[in-house]
Amino acid sequence: MTPEMLTDYLGQPIFSHEKLKAPQKPGMAVGLAWTNYGGDVLVIEAVNNPGTSGFKLTGQMGDVMQESANIAYTYVRHIAERHGVAPDFFECNSIHLHIPAGATPKDGPSAGITMASALLSLSMDKSLKKNVAMTGELSLSGSVHPIGGLKEKTIAARRNGVKTLIIPAQNSKDLDEIPENIKKGITFHLAETMDDVIRVLL
């Protein structure tokens, strides 16, 4: 048995082992997702088009994820001014939020804090820190709620070179179920609110 023979027996790799590309510009944030094949990373992108107010979603999102995106948009509009965003930014810009891999259906609330981070980054015109990924459901009041599949998502983070992982504080008990060799080299930050997330990212 040689490495070259693995594809013959197992087929093509499901996941790429390339290091995660860091957010290159404002409006990009790295999230983690659970799939039928395990965990994966999502680089969520947001851009603004000057003109009139609006919010557009693409990327084959299910109903729950679309609701999370709208919560993220409303929440970021609510807090934007205290982070130095111009008061009329959202009135004068149409926002487009996209989750790549559009051919793959995606649903669930766990990308809430990632979408909010992308939108805040865009409105502040400030890139987020490198090698940071996150997962967590966001409420309208800014609370971060627990998610499922933390082990699989942590494996995906490690596979993609993530050094810092933001997770809901209520998922802290799940860290005991993740082997130490998987957690090694990753710094976990527990977030109770979106303010906790922002402090790590900016």
Protein backbone atom coordinates (compact mmCIF):
# COMPACT_ATOMS: atom_id res chain seq x y z
CA MET A 1 0.00 0.00 0.00
CA THR A 2 1.35 3.41 -1.02
CA PRO A 3 -0.09 6.94 -0.72
CA GLU A 4 -0.71 6.94 -4.47
CA MET A 5 -3.02 3.93 -4.08
CA LEU A 6 -5.35 5.57 -1.54
CA THR A 7 -7.50 7.26 -4.16
CA ASP A 8 -8.13 3.91 -5.87
CA TYR A 9 -9.46 2.42 -2.64
CA LEU A 10 -11.11 5.43 -0.97
CA GLY A 11 -11.98 7.75 -3.86
CA GLN A 12 -11.20 11.44 -4.11
CA PRO A 13 -10.75 13.38 -0.83
CA ILE A 14 -13.93 14.96 0.52
CA PHE A 15 -12.11 17.88 2.14
CA SER A 16 -9.22 19.98 0.99
CA HIS A 17 -6.19 20.12 3.29
CA GLU A 18 -5.11 23.55 2.10
CA LYS A 19 -4.68 26.15 4.78
CA LEU A 20 -7.65 28.42 5.16
CA LYS A 21 -7.36 31.67 3.25
CA ALA A 22 -7.52 34.52 5.72
CA PRO A 23 -10.12 37.26 5.21
CA GLN A 24 -8.53 39.53 2.65
CA LYS A 25 -10.73 42.57 3.08
CA PRO A 26 -13.57 44.03 5.13
CA GLY A 27 -16.79 42.05 4.89
CA MET A 28 -15.22 38.59 5.16
CA ALA A 29 -15.55 36.29 8.21
CA VAL A 30 -14.75 32.62 8.80
CA GLY A 31 -17.43 30.35 10.20
CA LEU A 32 -17.73 26.63 10.87
CA ALA A 33 -20.47 24.32 9.64
CA TRP A 34 -21.62 20.77 10.27
CA THR A 35 -22.26 18.59 7.21
CA ASN A 36 -23.10 14.92 6.61
CA TYR A 37 -19.37 14.37 6.10
CA GLY A 38 -18.28 16.16 9.27
CA GLY A 39 -17.23 19.74 9.92
CA ASP A 40 -16.25 22.31 7.32
CA VAL A 41 -15.30 25.98 7.12
CA LEU A 42 -17.30 28.75 5.48
CA VAL A 43 -15.83 32.08 4.44
CA ILE A 44 -18.84 34.39 4.49
CA GLU A 45 -18.63 37.47 2.28
CA ALA A 46 -20.51 40.76 2.35
CA VAL A 47 -20.27 43.74 0.00
CA ASN A 48 -22.07 47.06 -0.16
CA ASN A 49 -23.39 48.87 -3.21
CA PRO A 50 -24.00 52.60 -2.72
CA GLY A 51 -27.46 53.83 -3.57
CA THR A 52 -30.48 52.77 -1.57
CA SER A 53 -31.00 50.61 1.49
CA GLY A 54 -31.45 46.87 0.98
CA PHE A 55 -30.33 43.40 2.03
CA LYS A 56 -29.78 40.46 -0.34
CA LEU A 57 -28.85 36.86 0.51
CA THR A 58 -27.32 34.21 -1.76
CA GLY A 59 -25.67 30.82 -1.25
CA GLN A 60 -28.59 28.34 -1.07
CA MET A 61 -29.47 28.97 2.55
CA GLY A 62 -32.35 27.20 4.28
CA ASP A 63 -35.13 29.06 6.08
CA VAL A 64 -33.43 28.96 9.49
CA MET A 65 -30.15 30.31 8.11
CA GLN A 66 -31.99 33.08 6.28
CA GLU A 67 -33.67 34.04 9.54
CA SER A 68 -30.23 34.10 11.21
CA ALA A 69 -28.92 36.35 8.44
CA ASN A 70 -31.78 38.80 8.94
CA ILE A 71 -31.23 38.80 12.71
CA ALA A 72 -27.53 39.50 12.11
CA TYR A 73 -28.35 42.38 9.75
CA THR A 74 -30.83 43.96 12.18
CA TYR A 75 -28.48 43.55 15.14
CA VAL A 76 -25.49 45.07 13.34
CA ARG A 77 -27.61 48.04 12.23
CA HIS A 78 -28.58 48.47 15.87
CA ILE A 79 -24.99 48.56 17.20
CA ALA A 80 -23.12 50.02 14.21
CA GLU A 81 -22.95 53.64 15.35
CA ARG A 82 -21.22 52.82 18.62
CA HIS A 83 -18.49 51.14 16.57
CA GLY A 84 -17.87 54.25 14.52
CA VAL A 85 -20.08 53.45 11.53
CA ALA A 86 -21.65 56.45 9.79
CA PRO A 87 -25.30 56.85 10.87
CA ASP A 88 -26.54 56.70 7.27
CA PHE A 89 -24.37 53.76 6.11
CA PHE A 90 -27.23 51.26 5.92
CA GLU A 91 -29.65 53.82 4.52
CA CYS A 92 -27.27 54.64 1.68
CA ASN A 93 -26.02 51.13 0.87
CA SER A 94 -27.55 47.92 -0.40
CA ILE A 95 -25.85 44.96 1.33
CA HIS A 96 -25.25 41.60 -0.36
CA LEU A 97 -24.34 38.68 1.94
CA HIS A 98 -23.08 35.50 0.29
CA ILE A 99 -22.06 32.06 1.56
CA PRO A 100 -19.90 30.27 -1.05
CA ALA A 101 -20.43 26.66 -2.14
CA GLY A 102 -23.86 27.65 -3.38
CA ALA A 103 -24.55 24.19 -4.79
CA THR A 104 -24.49 22.75 -1.27
CA PRO A 105 -27.71 23.34 0.74
CA LYS A 106 -27.00 24.95 4.13
CA ASP A 107 -29.26 25.51 7.09
CA GLY A 108 -29.19 26.04 10.84
CA PRO A 109 -28.61 29.01 13.15
CA SER A 110 -24.95 28.43 14.03
CA ALA A 111 -23.60 30.91 11.45
CA GLY A 112 -25.37 33.82 13.15
CA ILE A 113 -22.31 35.36 14.82
CA THR A 114 -20.23 34.81 11.66
CA MET A 115 -22.71 36.67 9.47
CA ALA A 116 -22.94 39.49 12.01
CA SER A 117 -19.13 39.68 12.11
CA ALA A 118 -18.94 39.93 8.32
CA LEU A 119 -21.56 42.69 8.28
CA LEU A 120 -19.89 44.65 11.06
CA SER A 121 -16.49 44.29 9.39
CA LEU A 122 -17.99 45.63 6.16
CA SER A 123 -19.74 48.59 7.77
CA MET A 124 -16.60 49.52 9.76
CA ASP A 125 -14.40 49.03 6.66
CA LYS A 126 -12.06 46.97 8.81
CA SER A 127 -10.71 43.47 8.17
CA LEU A 128 -11.03 40.87 10.92
CA LYS A 129 -8.05 39.13 12.54
CA LYS A 130 -6.45 36.22 10.70
CA ASN A 131 -6.70 32.54 11.67
CA VAL A 132 -9.89 33.12 13.67
CA ALA A 133 -13.06 31.09 13.09
CA MET A 134 -16.35 31.05 14.97
CA THR A 135 -19.65 29.29 15.47
CA GLY A 136 -22.70 30.39 17.43
CA GLU A 137 -26.33 31.36 17.16
CA LEU A 138 -27.11 35.08 17.57
CA SER A 139 -30.25 36.52 19.12
CA LEU A 140 -31.69 39.97 18.44
CA SER A 141 -30.54 41.11 21.87
CA GLY A 142 -26.95 40.07 21.08
CA SER A 143 -26.85 36.86 23.13
CA VAL A 144 -24.82 33.94 21.76
CA HIS A 145 -26.66 30.62 21.97
CA PRO A 146 -25.18 27.08 21.87
CA ILE A 147 -24.69 24.99 18.75
CA GLY A 148 -24.23 21.33 17.85
CA GLY A 149 -21.38 19.44 16.24
CA LEU A 150 -18.59 21.21 18.10
CA LYS A 151 -16.20 18.26 17.79
CA GLU A 152 -16.62 18.04 14.02
CA LYS A 153 -16.28 21.80 13.66
CA THR A 154 -13.11 21.82 15.77
CA ILE A 155 -11.61 19.12 13.56
CA ALA A 156 -12.39 21.28 10.52
CA ALA A 157 -10.80 24.29 12.21
CA ARG A 158 -7.63 22.34 12.96
CA ARG A 159 -7.50 20.91 9.45
CA ASN A 160 -7.61 24.43 8.04
CA GLY A 161 -4.98 25.98 10.29
CA VAL A 162 -7.32 27.96 12.56
CA LYS A 163 -5.50 29.16 15.69
CA THR A 164 -8.36 30.88 17.50
CA LEU A 165 -11.89 29.51 17.79
CA ILE A 166 -14.86 31.45 19.19
CA ILE A 167 -17.64 29.25 20.56
CA PRO A 168 -20.75 29.85 22.69
CA ALA A 169 -20.03 29.83 26.44
CA GLN A 170 -22.79 27.23 26.90
CA ASN A 171 -20.78 24.81 24.75
CA SER A 172 -17.85 24.82 27.17
CA LYS A 173 -18.96 21.44 28.56
CA ASP A 174 -18.58 19.92 25.08
CA LEU A 175 -14.85 20.66 25.05
CA ASP A 176 -14.28 17.70 27.36
CA GLU A 177 -15.52 15.38 24.61
CA ILE A 178 -12.91 16.59 22.11
CA PRO A 179 -9.55 14.73 22.23
CA GLU A 180 -6.58 16.80 23.36
CA ASN A 181 -4.67 16.11 20.14
CA ILE A 182 -7.44 17.87 18.22
CA LYS A 183 -7.62 20.88 20.57
CA LYS A 184 -3.84 21.27 20.74
CA GLY A 185 -2.67 24.56 19.25
CA ILE A 186 -6.19 26.10 19.20
CA THR A 187 -7.15 28.85 21.64
CA PHE A 188 -10.85 28.71 22.54
CA HIS A 189 -12.76 31.87 23.45
CA LEU A 190 -16.13 31.47 25.16
CA ALA A 191 -18.72 34.06 24.09
CA GLU A 192 -21.89 34.90 25.98
CA THR A 193 -22.69 37.95 23.85
CA MET A 194 -21.75 39.41 20.48
CA ASP A 195 -19.62 41.95 22.34
CA ASP A 196 -17.42 39.05 23.47
CA VAL A 197 -17.06 37.99 19.83
CA ILE A 198 -16.16 41.49 18.67
CA ARG A 199 -13.46 41.88 21.32
CA VAL A 200 -11.65 38.85 19.89
CA LEU A 201 -12.07 39.79 16.23
CA LEU A 202 -11.14 43.48 16.17
